[in-house]
Amino acid sequence: MSARQIHLMETLLPQRRVPVPDTGLLDPRDLRPGGGEVWFEIGFGGGEHPVGQALRRPDVTLLASEVFQEGLAKCLGLIDDHGVSNLFVWDEDARGLAERLCPASLDRVFILFPDPWPKARHRKRRLVQPDFLDLLARIVRPGGQVRFATDVRDYADEALVHFVNHTGFKWTAQKAHNWRERPMDHIATRYERKNIGDIAPVWYDFERC
């Protein structure tokens, strides 16, 4: 990391870190009283998507998690460059934060190009599993949305099966190939443009029942 990135990790991260309480649950709506919706991005890479969404929607409070230091540093740099005040970051496993959020406290969740864990023996490490969807169903309000995107064919198939089989979510595709079309409100990232997966990106939007 550069000297500036190290400085931001030491100074800006404590200011922008999601302030979870020592005991009890966090209602993220309390982070900005009088604010609008609350969105949560899980695994933000270099931070281009959450920062872009925060700038586009200043009325929204965003939570964004990433465990890799390089990605965190890049995101903090973007936050600092643009003076973003409605984005809070989490530098630990996203599950740890999700477990500490109040029920029905999120309006949207983004899971964009998560680690596919391509080796068969590692598949159980993939984020989208039935138990994680149980957790999402608890913290996403009825009518809230979850967006999942991947460029890995077997993860796309596996994740869709898990979501469709879960009673807490319904797939909102309205027409054939709807899932192949990049959503109008999506902000592309450098990772996405690399096209390193084995398929073109697919996009699944689900609604909390």
N, C-alpha and C. Protein backbone atom coordinates (compact mmCIF):
# COMPACT_ATOMS: atom_id res chain seq x y z
N MET A 1 0.84 -1.19 0.00
CA MET A 1 0.00 0.00 0.00
C MET A 1 0.88 1.24 0.00
N SER A 2 0.34 2.32 -0.55
CA SER A 2 1.07 3.59 -0.56
C SER A 2 1.02 4.23 0.82
N ALA A 3 1.86 5.25 1.01
CA ALA A 3 1.87 5.95 2.29
C ALA A 3 0.50 6.57 2.57
N ARG A 4 -0.14 7.10 1.52
CA ARG A 4 -1.47 7.68 1.71
C ARG A 4 -2.48 6.62 2.13
N GLN A 5 -2.42 5.46 1.51
CA GLN A 5 -3.36 4.40 1.86
C GLN A 5 -3.16 3.93 3.29
N ILE A 6 -1.93 3.80 3.70
CA ILE A 6 -1.65 3.41 5.09
C ILE A 6 -2.21 4.46 6.04
N HIS A 7 -2.03 5.73 5.70
CA HIS A 7 -2.54 6.81 6.53
C HIS A 7 -4.07 6.74 6.63
N LEU A 8 -4.74 6.48 5.50
CA LEU A 8 -6.20 6.40 5.52
C LEU A 8 -6.68 5.19 6.32
N MET A 9 -5.97 4.09 6.25
CA MET A 9 -6.34 2.92 7.03
C MET A 9 -6.24 3.22 8.53
N GLU A 10 -5.28 4.07 8.89
CA GLU A 10 -5.08 4.40 10.30
C GLU A 10 -6.02 5.49 10.79
N THR A 11 -6.41 6.40 9.91
CA THR A 11 -7.18 7.57 10.35
C THR A 11 -8.63 7.56 9.88
N LEU A 12 -8.86 7.26 8.60
CA LEU A 12 -10.22 7.34 8.06
C LEU A 12 -11.04 6.09 8.36
N LEU A 13 -10.40 4.92 8.34
CA LEU A 13 -11.15 3.69 8.62
C LEU A 13 -11.87 3.73 9.96
N PRO A 14 -11.22 4.15 11.05
CA PRO A 14 -11.95 4.21 12.33
C PRO A 14 -13.17 5.14 12.27
N GLN A 15 -13.10 6.19 11.45
CA GLN A 15 -14.22 7.13 11.35
C GLN A 15 -15.37 6.58 10.52
N ARG A 16 -15.04 5.76 9.50
CA ARG A 16 -16.07 5.27 8.58
C ARG A 16 -16.46 3.82 8.86
N ARG A 17 -15.88 3.21 9.88
CA ARG A 17 -16.21 1.82 10.19
C ARG A 17 -17.61 1.74 10.79
N VAL A 18 -18.35 0.72 10.41
CA VAL A 18 -19.71 0.54 10.96
C VAL A 18 -19.60 0.43 12.48
N PRO A 19 -20.26 1.32 13.22
CA PRO A 19 -20.13 1.34 14.68
C PRO A 19 -21.08 0.35 15.37
N VAL A 20 -20.74 -0.92 15.31
CA VAL A 20 -21.61 -1.90 15.96
C VAL A 20 -21.49 -1.78 17.48
N PRO A 21 -22.58 -1.97 18.20
CA PRO A 21 -22.53 -1.86 19.66
C PRO A 21 -21.82 -3.06 20.28
N ASP A 22 -21.32 -2.88 21.49
CA ASP A 22 -20.65 -3.98 22.19
C ASP A 22 -21.64 -5.09 22.50
N THR A 23 -22.87 -4.72 22.78
CA THR A 23 -23.92 -5.70 23.05
C THR A 23 -25.17 -5.31 22.27
N GLY A 24 -26.01 -6.28 22.00
CA GLY A 24 -27.25 -5.99 21.30
C GLY A 24 -27.04 -5.86 19.80
N LEU A 25 -28.10 -5.42 19.12
CA LEU A 25 -28.10 -5.31 17.66
C LEU A 25 -28.04 -3.87 17.21
N LEU A 26 -27.53 -3.67 15.99
CA LEU A 26 -27.44 -2.34 15.40
C LEU A 26 -28.61 -2.13 14.45
N ASP A 27 -29.29 -1.01 14.61
CA ASP A 27 -30.27 -0.59 13.61
C ASP A 27 -29.55 0.42 12.73
N PRO A 28 -29.17 0.04 11.50
CA PRO A 28 -28.38 0.94 10.66
C PRO A 28 -29.10 2.23 10.29
N ARG A 29 -30.41 2.26 10.49
CA ARG A 29 -31.15 3.49 10.23
C ARG A 29 -30.79 4.57 11.23
N ASP A 30 -30.23 4.17 12.37
CA ASP A 30 -29.80 5.14 13.38
C ASP A 30 -28.49 5.84 13.02
N LEU A 31 -27.78 5.32 12.02
CA LEU A 31 -26.50 5.93 11.65
C LEU A 31 -26.68 7.31 11.05
N ARG A 32 -27.80 7.51 10.39
CA ARG A 32 -28.12 8.82 9.80
C ARG A 32 -29.59 9.10 10.06
N PRO A 33 -29.94 9.54 11.25
CA PRO A 33 -31.35 9.77 11.59
C PRO A 33 -32.03 10.65 10.55
N GLY A 34 -33.21 10.23 10.16
CA GLY A 34 -33.94 10.98 9.15
C GLY A 34 -33.54 10.63 7.74
N GLY A 35 -32.59 9.69 7.61
CA GLY A 35 -32.13 9.28 6.28
C GLY A 35 -33.13 8.37 5.60
N GLY A 36 -32.79 7.96 4.41
CA GLY A 36 -33.69 7.12 3.62
C GLY A 36 -33.37 5.64 3.79
N GLU A 37 -33.29 4.95 2.68
CA GLU A 37 -33.09 3.51 2.71
C GLU A 37 -31.67 3.15 3.18
N VAL A 38 -31.53 1.87 3.55
CA VAL A 38 -30.22 1.34 3.95
C VAL A 38 -29.87 0.19 3.01
N TRP A 39 -28.70 0.28 2.38
CA TRP A 39 -28.22 -0.75 1.47
C TRP A 39 -26.94 -1.37 2.03
N PHE A 40 -26.71 -2.62 1.69
CA PHE A 40 -25.54 -3.35 2.20
C PHE A 40 -24.88 -4.07 1.03
N GLU A 41 -23.60 -3.75 0.77
CA GLU A 41 -22.85 -4.45 -0.27
C GLU A 41 -21.85 -5.38 0.39
N ILE A 42 -21.85 -6.63 -0.05
CA ILE A 42 -21.00 -7.66 0.54
C ILE A 42 -19.86 -7.97 -0.43
N GLY A 43 -18.64 -7.64 -0.03
CA GLY A 43 -17.48 -7.86 -0.88
C GLY A 43 -17.38 -6.83 -1.97
N PHE A 44 -16.79 -5.67 -1.67
CA PHE A 44 -16.84 -4.56 -2.64
C PHE A 44 -15.58 -4.41 -3.49
N GLY A 45 -14.61 -5.30 -3.37
CA GLY A 45 -13.41 -5.19 -4.20
C GLY A 45 -12.68 -3.89 -3.94
N GLY A 46 -12.57 -3.04 -4.98
CA GLY A 46 -11.89 -1.76 -4.82
C GLY A 46 -12.80 -0.62 -4.42
N GLY A 47 -14.06 -0.90 -4.20
CA GLY A 47 -14.98 0.12 -3.69
C GLY A 47 -15.67 0.98 -4.73
N GLU A 48 -15.46 0.69 -6.01
CA GLU A 48 -16.05 1.56 -7.05
C GLU A 48 -17.58 1.53 -7.01
N HIS A 49 -18.15 0.36 -6.80
CA HIS A 49 -19.61 0.27 -6.82
C HIS A 49 -20.26 0.97 -5.62
N PRO A 50 -19.86 0.65 -4.37
CA PRO A 50 -20.53 1.33 -3.26
C PRO A 50 -20.29 2.83 -3.24
N VAL A 51 -19.08 3.28 -3.59
CA VAL A 51 -18.83 4.72 -3.62
C VAL A 51 -19.66 5.37 -4.71
N GLY A 52 -19.73 4.73 -5.87
CA GLY A 52 -20.55 5.27 -6.95
C GLY A 52 -22.01 5.37 -6.58
N GLN A 53 -22.51 4.33 -5.91
CA GLN A 53 -23.91 4.36 -5.48
C GLN A 53 -24.13 5.42 -4.40
N ALA A 54 -23.16 5.57 -3.51
CA ALA A 54 -23.28 6.58 -2.46
C ALA A 54 -23.33 7.99 -3.04
N LEU A 55 -22.54 8.22 -4.08
CA LEU A 55 -22.54 9.54 -4.72
C LEU A 55 -23.83 9.76 -5.51
N ARG A 56 -24.32 8.72 -6.14
CA ARG A 56 -25.54 8.82 -6.94
C ARG A 56 -26.77 8.98 -6.05
N ARG A 57 -26.74 8.34 -4.88
CA ARG A 57 -27.90 8.35 -3.98
C ARG A 57 -27.50 8.85 -2.59
N PRO A 58 -27.31 10.16 -2.44
CA PRO A 58 -26.92 10.69 -1.13
C PRO A 58 -27.99 10.51 -0.06
N ASP A 59 -29.21 10.19 -0.47
CA ASP A 59 -30.28 9.96 0.48
C ASP A 59 -30.20 8.58 1.12
N VAL A 60 -29.39 7.69 0.56
CA VAL A 60 -29.29 6.31 1.03
C VAL A 60 -28.09 6.17 1.96
N THR A 61 -28.23 5.35 3.00
CA THR A 61 -27.11 4.97 3.85
C THR A 61 -26.59 3.63 3.38
N LEU A 62 -25.32 3.57 3.07
CA LEU A 62 -24.72 2.33 2.57
C LEU A 62 -23.76 1.74 3.58
N LEU A 63 -23.86 0.41 3.74
CA LEU A 63 -22.88 -0.37 4.48
C LEU A 63 -22.15 -1.22 3.44
N ALA A 64 -20.86 -1.38 3.57
CA ALA A 64 -20.11 -2.15 2.59
C ALA A 64 -18.98 -2.90 3.28
N SER A 65 -18.87 -4.19 2.99
CA SER A 65 -17.87 -5.02 3.66
C SER A 65 -16.82 -5.54 2.69
N GLU A 66 -15.60 -5.64 3.17
CA GLU A 66 -14.50 -6.22 2.40
C GLU A 66 -13.39 -6.60 3.37
N VAL A 67 -12.85 -7.80 3.23
CA VAL A 67 -11.83 -8.25 4.17
C VAL A 67 -10.41 -8.01 3.66
N PHE A 68 -10.24 -7.79 2.36
CA PHE A 68 -8.90 -7.61 1.82
C PHE A 68 -8.42 -6.17 1.99
N GLN A 69 -7.24 -6.03 2.57
CA GLN A 69 -6.70 -4.72 2.92
C GLN A 69 -6.53 -3.81 1.71
N GLU A 70 -6.08 -4.36 0.60
CA GLU A 70 -5.87 -3.54 -0.59
C GLU A 70 -7.19 -2.93 -1.06
N GLY A 71 -8.25 -3.74 -1.08
CA GLY A 71 -9.55 -3.22 -1.48
C GLY A 71 -10.07 -2.17 -0.52
N LEU A 72 -9.89 -2.41 0.78
CA LEU A 72 -10.31 -1.43 1.77
C LEU A 72 -9.60 -0.10 1.57
N ALA A 73 -8.29 -0.18 1.34
CA ALA A 73 -7.49 1.04 1.15
C ALA A 73 -7.96 1.81 -0.08
N LYS A 74 -8.25 1.10 -1.16
CA LYS A 74 -8.73 1.77 -2.38
C LYS A 74 -10.08 2.43 -2.14
N CYS A 75 -10.95 1.74 -1.43
CA CYS A 75 -12.27 2.30 -1.13
C CYS A 75 -12.15 3.54 -0.27
N LEU A 76 -11.29 3.49 0.72
CA LEU A 76 -11.09 4.65 1.59
C LEU A 76 -10.54 5.83 0.80
N GLY A 77 -9.69 5.54 -0.17
CA GLY A 77 -9.17 6.60 -1.02
C GLY A 77 -10.28 7.28 -1.81
N LEU A 78 -11.22 6.49 -2.33
CA LEU A 78 -12.35 7.05 -3.06
C LEU A 78 -13.27 7.85 -2.14
N ILE A 79 -13.49 7.33 -0.94
CA ILE A 79 -14.31 8.05 0.03
C ILE A 79 -13.69 9.40 0.35
N ASP A 80 -12.38 9.40 0.53
CA ASP A 80 -11.67 10.64 0.85
C ASP A 80 -11.67 11.60 -0.35
N ASP A 81 -11.45 11.07 -1.53
CA ASP A 81 -11.41 11.91 -2.73
C ASP A 81 -12.73 12.63 -2.97
N HIS A 82 -13.84 11.93 -2.73
CA HIS A 82 -15.16 12.47 -3.06
C HIS A 82 -15.93 13.02 -1.86
N GLY A 83 -15.32 12.96 -0.68
CA GLY A 83 -15.99 13.47 0.51
C GLY A 83 -17.28 12.73 0.83
N VAL A 84 -17.29 11.42 0.63
CA VAL A 84 -18.50 10.61 0.85
C VAL A 84 -18.79 10.53 2.35
N SER A 85 -20.03 10.81 2.71
CA SER A 85 -20.40 10.78 4.13
C SER A 85 -21.52 9.79 4.44
N ASN A 86 -22.07 9.14 3.42
CA ASN A 86 -23.19 8.21 3.64
C ASN A 86 -22.81 6.76 3.43
N LEU A 87 -21.50 6.47 3.49
CA LEU A 87 -21.01 5.10 3.32
C LEU A 87 -20.17 4.70 4.53
N PHE A 88 -20.52 3.54 5.10
CA PHE A 88 -19.80 3.00 6.24
C PHE A 88 -19.22 1.65 5.84
N VAL A 89 -17.97 1.38 6.23
CA VAL A 89 -17.31 0.15 5.79
C VAL A 89 -17.13 -0.81 6.96
N TRP A 90 -17.01 -2.09 6.58
CA TRP A 90 -16.82 -3.16 7.55
C TRP A 90 -15.64 -3.99 7.06
N ASP A 91 -14.60 -4.12 7.87
CA ASP A 91 -13.36 -4.76 7.45
C ASP A 91 -13.21 -6.18 7.99
N GLU A 92 -14.32 -6.81 8.31
CA GLU A 92 -14.31 -8.19 8.75
C GLU A 92 -15.32 -8.98 7.91
N ASP A 93 -15.48 -10.26 8.22
CA ASP A 93 -16.41 -11.10 7.48
C ASP A 93 -17.81 -10.49 7.51
N ALA A 94 -18.45 -10.45 6.35
CA ALA A 94 -19.77 -9.84 6.25
C ALA A 94 -20.79 -10.52 7.13
N ARG A 95 -20.62 -11.81 7.35
CA ARG A 95 -21.57 -12.53 8.20
C ARG A 95 -21.59 -11.95 9.61
N GLY A 96 -20.41 -11.57 10.09
CA GLY A 96 -20.33 -11.00 11.43
C GLY A 96 -21.14 -9.74 11.57
N LEU A 97 -21.15 -8.91 10.54
CA LEU A 97 -21.97 -7.70 10.58
C LEU A 97 -23.44 -8.04 10.40
N ALA A 98 -23.74 -8.92 9.46
CA ALA A 98 -25.14 -9.29 9.20
C ALA A 98 -25.80 -9.84 10.46
N GLU A 99 -25.07 -10.61 11.21
CA GLU A 99 -25.62 -11.21 12.43
C GLU A 99 -25.92 -10.17 13.51
N ARG A 100 -25.34 -8.97 13.38
CA ARG A 100 -25.50 -7.95 14.41
C ARG A 100 -26.44 -6.83 13.97
N LEU A 101 -27.15 -7.04 12.85
CA LEU A 101 -28.12 -6.06 12.38
C LEU A 101 -29.53 -6.43 12.84
N CYS A 102 -30.34 -5.42 13.05
CA CYS A 102 -31.72 -5.64 13.48
C CYS A 102 -32.52 -6.31 12.37
N PRO A 103 -33.55 -7.06 12.74
CA PRO A 103 -34.41 -7.67 11.73
C PRO A 103 -35.03 -6.61 10.82
N ALA A 104 -35.17 -6.96 9.55
CA ALA A 104 -35.86 -6.12 8.56
C ALA A 104 -35.30 -4.70 8.50
N SER A 105 -33.99 -4.55 8.69
CA SER A 105 -33.39 -3.22 8.73
C SER A 105 -32.72 -2.81 7.42
N LEU A 106 -32.71 -3.70 6.43
CA LEU A 106 -32.07 -3.39 5.14
C LEU A 106 -33.11 -3.33 4.03
N ASP A 107 -32.87 -2.42 3.09
CA ASP A 107 -33.75 -2.30 1.93
C ASP A 107 -33.18 -2.99 0.70
N ARG A 108 -31.85 -3.03 0.59
CA ARG A 108 -31.21 -3.69 -0.55
C ARG A 108 -29.90 -4.33 -0.11
N VAL A 109 -29.56 -5.43 -0.76
CA VAL A 109 -28.28 -6.09 -0.55
C VAL A 109 -27.67 -6.38 -1.92
N PHE A 110 -26.38 -6.10 -2.06
CA PHE A 110 -25.65 -6.39 -3.29
C PHE A 110 -24.60 -7.46 -3.02
N ILE A 111 -24.62 -8.51 -3.80
CA ILE A 111 -23.57 -9.54 -3.76
C ILE A 111 -23.05 -9.64 -5.19
N LEU A 112 -22.04 -8.87 -5.51
CA LEU A 112 -21.59 -8.71 -6.88
C LEU A 112 -20.24 -9.39 -7.09
N PHE A 113 -20.23 -10.41 -7.92
CA PHE A 113 -19.03 -11.13 -8.29
C PHE A 113 -18.26 -11.63 -7.06
N PRO A 114 -18.93 -12.38 -6.19
CA PRO A 114 -18.26 -12.91 -5.01
C PRO A 114 -17.24 -13.98 -5.41
N ASP A 115 -16.34 -14.27 -4.49
CA ASP A 115 -15.32 -15.30 -4.72
C ASP A 115 -16.02 -16.61 -5.09
N PRO A 116 -15.73 -17.19 -6.26
CA PRO A 116 -16.43 -18.41 -6.67
C PRO A 116 -15.87 -19.69 -6.06
N TRP A 117 -14.73 -19.61 -5.39
CA TRP A 117 -14.11 -20.81 -4.84
C TRP A 117 -14.22 -21.94 -5.85
N PRO A 118 -13.46 -21.88 -6.94
CA PRO A 118 -13.66 -22.79 -8.06
C PRO A 118 -13.36 -24.27 -7.80
N LYS A 119 -12.47 -24.55 -6.87
CA LYS A 119 -12.15 -25.96 -6.60
C LYS A 119 -13.33 -26.64 -5.91
N ALA A 120 -13.62 -27.85 -6.33
CA ALA A 120 -14.79 -28.58 -5.81
C ALA A 120 -14.74 -28.72 -4.29
N ARG A 121 -13.57 -28.94 -3.75
CA ARG A 121 -13.48 -29.15 -2.30
C ARG A 121 -13.70 -27.86 -1.50
N HIS A 122 -13.70 -26.72 -2.22
CA HIS A 122 -13.89 -25.43 -1.55
C HIS A 122 -15.29 -24.86 -1.75
N ARG A 123 -16.16 -25.55 -2.46
CA ARG A 123 -17.47 -25.00 -2.79
C ARG A 123 -18.27 -24.61 -1.55
N LYS A 124 -18.07 -25.32 -0.47
CA LYS A 124 -18.82 -25.02 0.75
C LYS A 124 -18.47 -23.64 1.31
N ARG A 125 -17.38 -23.03 0.81
CA ARG A 125 -17.00 -21.71 1.27
C ARG A 125 -17.74 -20.59 0.52
N ARG A 126 -18.45 -20.94 -0.53
CA ARG A 126 -19.18 -19.92 -1.27
C ARG A 126 -20.20 -19.24 -0.36
N LEU A 127 -20.35 -17.95 -0.56
CA LEU A 127 -21.20 -17.16 0.31
C LEU A 127 -22.66 -17.57 0.23
N VAL A 128 -23.16 -17.77 -1.00
CA VAL A 128 -24.59 -18.05 -1.17
C VAL A 128 -24.84 -19.52 -0.85
N GLN A 129 -25.29 -19.75 0.37
CA GLN A 129 -25.66 -21.06 0.89
C GLN A 129 -26.99 -20.90 1.62
N PRO A 130 -27.75 -21.98 1.81
CA PRO A 130 -29.05 -21.86 2.48
C PRO A 130 -28.99 -21.15 3.83
N ASP A 131 -27.96 -21.43 4.64
CA ASP A 131 -27.90 -20.79 5.95
C ASP A 131 -27.67 -19.29 5.84
N PHE A 132 -26.89 -18.86 4.84
CA PHE A 132 -26.68 -17.43 4.66
C PHE A 132 -27.95 -16.76 4.15
N LEU A 133 -28.71 -17.44 3.31
CA LEU A 133 -29.98 -16.87 2.86
C LEU A 133 -30.97 -16.75 4.02
N ASP A 134 -30.90 -17.67 4.97
CA ASP A 134 -31.72 -17.54 6.18
C ASP A 134 -31.38 -16.24 6.90
N LEU A 135 -30.08 -15.94 6.98
CA LEU A 135 -29.64 -14.72 7.65
C LEU A 135 -30.11 -13.49 6.88
N LEU A 136 -29.99 -13.51 5.54
CA LEU A 136 -30.46 -12.39 4.75
C LEU A 136 -31.96 -12.19 4.90
N ALA A 137 -32.69 -13.29 4.93
CA ALA A 137 -34.14 -13.19 5.07
C ALA A 137 -34.53 -12.52 6.39
N ARG A 138 -33.68 -12.64 7.39
CA ARG A 138 -33.97 -12.00 8.67
C ARG A 138 -33.74 -10.50 8.63
N ILE A 139 -32.71 -10.05 7.92
CA ILE A 139 -32.33 -8.64 8.00
C ILE A 139 -32.84 -7.79 6.85
N VAL A 140 -33.33 -8.40 5.77
CA VAL A 140 -33.91 -7.64 4.66
C VAL A 140 -35.42 -7.51 4.88
N ARG A 141 -35.94 -6.32 4.77
CA ARG A 141 -37.37 -6.10 5.01
C ARG A 141 -38.21 -6.75 3.92
N PRO A 142 -39.46 -7.10 4.20
CA PRO A 142 -40.36 -7.59 3.16
C PRO A 142 -40.46 -6.55 2.03
N GLY A 143 -40.31 -7.00 0.81
CA GLY A 143 -40.29 -6.09 -0.33
C GLY A 143 -38.91 -5.59 -0.67
N GLY A 144 -37.93 -5.82 0.21
CA GLY A 144 -36.56 -5.43 -0.07
C GLY A 144 -35.96 -6.29 -1.16
N GLN A 145 -34.80 -5.89 -1.67
CA GLN A 145 -34.21 -6.57 -2.82
C GLN A 145 -32.80 -7.07 -2.53
N VAL A 146 -32.47 -8.18 -3.16
CA VAL A 146 -31.11 -8.72 -3.14
C VAL A 146 -30.67 -8.90 -4.58
N ARG A 147 -29.51 -8.36 -4.93
CA ARG A 147 -28.96 -8.52 -6.28
C ARG A 147 -27.70 -9.37 -6.20
N PHE A 148 -27.67 -10.41 -7.02
CA PHE A 148 -26.51 -11.29 -7.10
C PHE A 148 -26.01 -11.28 -8.53
N ALA A 149 -24.68 -11.15 -8.71
CA ALA A 149 -24.09 -11.17 -10.04
C ALA A 149 -22.84 -12.04 -10.01
N THR A 150 -22.60 -12.75 -11.09
CA THR A 150 -21.39 -13.56 -11.21
C THR A 150 -21.07 -13.77 -12.68
N ASP A 151 -19.81 -14.11 -12.95
CA ASP A 151 -19.39 -14.47 -14.31
C ASP A 151 -18.84 -15.89 -14.32
N VAL A 152 -19.28 -16.69 -13.35
CA VAL A 152 -18.87 -18.09 -13.23
C VAL A 152 -20.12 -18.96 -13.40
N ARG A 153 -20.13 -19.79 -14.42
CA ARG A 153 -21.34 -20.51 -14.80
C ARG A 153 -21.91 -21.38 -13.67
N ASP A 154 -21.07 -22.21 -13.07
CA ASP A 154 -21.65 -23.13 -12.08
C ASP A 154 -22.07 -22.43 -10.80
N TYR A 155 -21.44 -21.28 -10.51
CA TYR A 155 -21.91 -20.50 -9.34
C TYR A 155 -23.25 -19.84 -9.66
N ALA A 156 -23.40 -19.38 -10.89
CA ALA A 156 -24.68 -18.79 -11.30
C ALA A 156 -25.80 -19.81 -11.15
N ASP A 157 -25.55 -21.02 -11.61
CA ASP A 157 -26.57 -22.07 -11.51
C ASP A 157 -26.86 -22.42 -10.05
N GLU A 158 -25.80 -22.58 -9.28
CA GLU A 158 -25.95 -22.99 -7.88
C GLU A 158 -26.67 -21.92 -7.07
N ALA A 159 -26.27 -20.67 -7.24
CA ALA A 159 -26.89 -19.59 -6.47
C ALA A 159 -28.37 -19.45 -6.81
N LEU A 160 -28.70 -19.55 -8.09
CA LEU A 160 -30.10 -19.42 -8.48
C LEU A 160 -30.94 -20.51 -7.84
N VAL A 161 -30.44 -21.73 -7.82
CA VAL A 161 -31.17 -22.82 -7.19
C VAL A 161 -31.41 -22.53 -5.70
N HIS A 162 -30.36 -22.05 -5.01
CA HIS A 162 -30.52 -21.76 -3.58
C HIS A 162 -31.57 -20.67 -3.35
N PHE A 163 -31.53 -19.61 -4.14
CA PHE A 163 -32.50 -18.52 -3.95
C PHE A 163 -33.91 -18.98 -4.29
N VAL A 164 -34.07 -19.67 -5.39
CA VAL A 164 -35.41 -20.10 -5.82
C VAL A 164 -36.01 -21.08 -4.82
N ASN A 165 -35.17 -21.91 -4.23
CA ASN A 165 -35.68 -22.90 -3.27
C ASN A 165 -35.93 -22.31 -1.88
N HIS A 166 -35.49 -21.09 -1.65
CA HIS A 166 -35.67 -20.48 -0.34
C HIS A 166 -37.03 -19.78 -0.28
N THR A 167 -37.77 -20.04 0.76
CA THR A 167 -39.12 -19.48 0.87
C THR A 167 -39.13 -17.99 1.14
N GLY A 168 -37.97 -17.42 1.49
CA GLY A 168 -37.94 -16.00 1.82
C GLY A 168 -37.74 -15.08 0.64
N PHE A 169 -37.47 -15.65 -0.55
CA PHE A 169 -37.15 -14.80 -1.70
C PHE A 169 -37.87 -15.29 -2.95
N LYS A 170 -38.17 -14.35 -3.83
CA LYS A 170 -38.71 -14.71 -5.14
C LYS A 170 -37.92 -14.00 -6.22
N TRP A 171 -37.68 -14.70 -7.32
CA TRP A 171 -36.92 -14.17 -8.45
C TRP A 171 -37.81 -13.21 -9.21
N THR A 172 -37.29 -12.04 -9.52
CA THR A 172 -38.12 -10.99 -10.13
C THR A 172 -37.96 -10.87 -11.64
N ALA A 173 -37.27 -11.81 -12.29
CA ALA A 173 -37.11 -11.75 -13.74
C ALA A 173 -38.48 -11.72 -14.40
N GLN A 174 -38.67 -10.81 -15.35
CA GLN A 174 -39.95 -10.62 -15.99
C GLN A 174 -40.01 -11.18 -17.41
N LYS A 175 -38.87 -11.47 -18.00
CA LYS A 175 -38.86 -11.93 -19.38
C LYS A 175 -37.62 -12.78 -19.63
N ALA A 176 -37.65 -13.52 -20.74
CA ALA A 176 -36.51 -14.34 -21.10
C ALA A 176 -35.26 -13.47 -21.27
N HIS A 177 -34.17 -13.96 -20.76
CA HIS A 177 -32.87 -13.28 -20.84
C HIS A 177 -32.81 -12.00 -20.02
N ASN A 178 -33.82 -11.74 -19.19
CA ASN A 178 -33.76 -10.58 -18.31
C ASN A 178 -32.51 -10.61 -17.45
N TRP A 179 -32.11 -11.81 -17.07
CA TRP A 179 -30.96 -11.98 -16.19
C TRP A 179 -29.63 -11.75 -16.91
N ARG A 180 -29.65 -11.62 -18.23
CA ARG A 180 -28.44 -11.33 -18.99
C ARG A 180 -28.21 -9.83 -19.17
N GLU A 181 -29.20 -9.03 -18.83
CA GLU A 181 -29.13 -7.59 -19.07
C GLU A 181 -28.61 -6.87 -17.84
N ARG A 182 -27.56 -6.08 -18.01
CA ARG A 182 -27.01 -5.34 -16.88
C ARG A 182 -28.04 -4.35 -16.38
N PRO A 183 -28.34 -4.34 -15.08
CA PRO A 183 -29.35 -3.42 -14.54
C PRO A 183 -29.01 -1.96 -14.83
N MET A 184 -30.03 -1.17 -15.04
CA MET A 184 -29.83 0.24 -15.38
C MET A 184 -29.09 1.00 -14.28
N ASP A 185 -29.28 0.60 -13.03
CA ASP A 185 -28.67 1.33 -11.92
C ASP A 185 -27.34 0.75 -11.48
N HIS A 186 -26.81 -0.19 -12.25
CA HIS A 186 -25.54 -0.80 -11.88
C HIS A 186 -24.38 0.12 -12.24
N ILE A 187 -23.32 0.06 -11.43
CA ILE A 187 -22.09 0.80 -11.70
C ILE A 187 -20.99 -0.22 -11.93
N ALA A 188 -20.46 -0.25 -13.15
CA ALA A 188 -19.46 -1.24 -13.52
C ALA A 188 -18.15 -1.00 -12.78
N THR A 189 -17.41 -2.08 -12.55
CA THR A 189 -16.13 -2.00 -11.85
C THR A 189 -15.01 -2.53 -12.74
N ARG A 190 -13.79 -2.27 -12.32
CA ARG A 190 -12.64 -2.75 -13.09
C ARG A 190 -12.61 -4.27 -13.14
N TYR A 191 -12.96 -4.93 -12.04
CA TYR A 191 -12.98 -6.39 -12.05
C TYR A 191 -13.95 -6.89 -13.11
N GLU A 192 -15.12 -6.31 -13.13
CA GLU A 192 -16.15 -6.74 -14.08
C GLU A 192 -15.67 -6.60 -15.52
N ARG A 193 -14.95 -5.53 -15.81
CA ARG A 193 -14.50 -5.29 -17.18
C ARG A 193 -13.39 -6.24 -17.62
N LYS A 194 -12.75 -6.91 -16.68
CA LYS A 194 -11.68 -7.84 -17.04
C LYS A 194 -12.20 -9.09 -17.74
N ASN A 195 -13.46 -9.45 -17.49
CA ASN A 195 -14.07 -10.62 -18.14
C ASN A 195 -13.24 -11.88 -17.93
N ILE A 196 -12.90 -12.16 -16.69
CA ILE A 196 -12.04 -13.31 -16.41
C ILE A 196 -12.83 -14.57 -16.08
N GLY A 197 -14.15 -14.48 -16.00
CA GLY A 197 -14.96 -15.66 -15.73
C GLY A 197 -15.13 -16.50 -16.99
N ASP A 198 -15.96 -17.55 -16.88
CA ASP A 198 -16.18 -18.42 -18.03
C ASP A 198 -17.50 -18.13 -18.75
N ILE A 199 -18.24 -17.11 -18.31
CA ILE A 199 -19.45 -16.67 -19.00
C ILE A 199 -19.54 -15.14 -18.91
N ALA A 200 -20.39 -14.56 -19.75
CA ALA A 200 -20.70 -13.15 -19.58
C ALA A 200 -21.45 -12.98 -18.27
N PRO A 201 -21.33 -11.83 -17.61
CA PRO A 201 -22.00 -11.66 -16.31
C PRO A 201 -23.51 -11.91 -16.39
N VAL A 202 -24.01 -12.54 -15.34
CA VAL A 202 -25.46 -12.72 -15.19
C VAL A 202 -25.90 -11.96 -13.95
N TRP A 203 -27.15 -11.51 -13.97
CA TRP A 203 -27.67 -10.65 -12.91
C TRP A 203 -28.98 -11.22 -12.42
N TYR A 204 -29.05 -11.53 -11.14
CA TYR A 204 -30.28 -12.03 -10.55
C TYR A 204 -30.77 -11.03 -9.50
N ASP A 205 -32.00 -10.57 -9.64
CA ASP A 205 -32.62 -9.74 -8.62
C ASP A 205 -33.71 -10.55 -7.94
N PHE A 206 -33.70 -10.52 -6.62
CA PHE A 206 -34.68 -11.25 -5.83
C PHE A 206 -35.39 -10.28 -4.88
N GLU A 207 -36.64 -10.57 -4.61
CA GLU A 207 -37.42 -9.75 -3.68
C GLU A 207 -37.69 -10.55 -2.41
N ARG A 208 -37.54 -9.88 -1.29
CA ARG A 208 -37.85 -10.53 0.01
C ARG A 208 -39.36 -10.67 0.12
N CYS A 209 -39.81 -11.88 0.31
CA CYS A 209 -41.26 -12.14 0.37
C CYS A 209 -41.87 -11.61 1.67
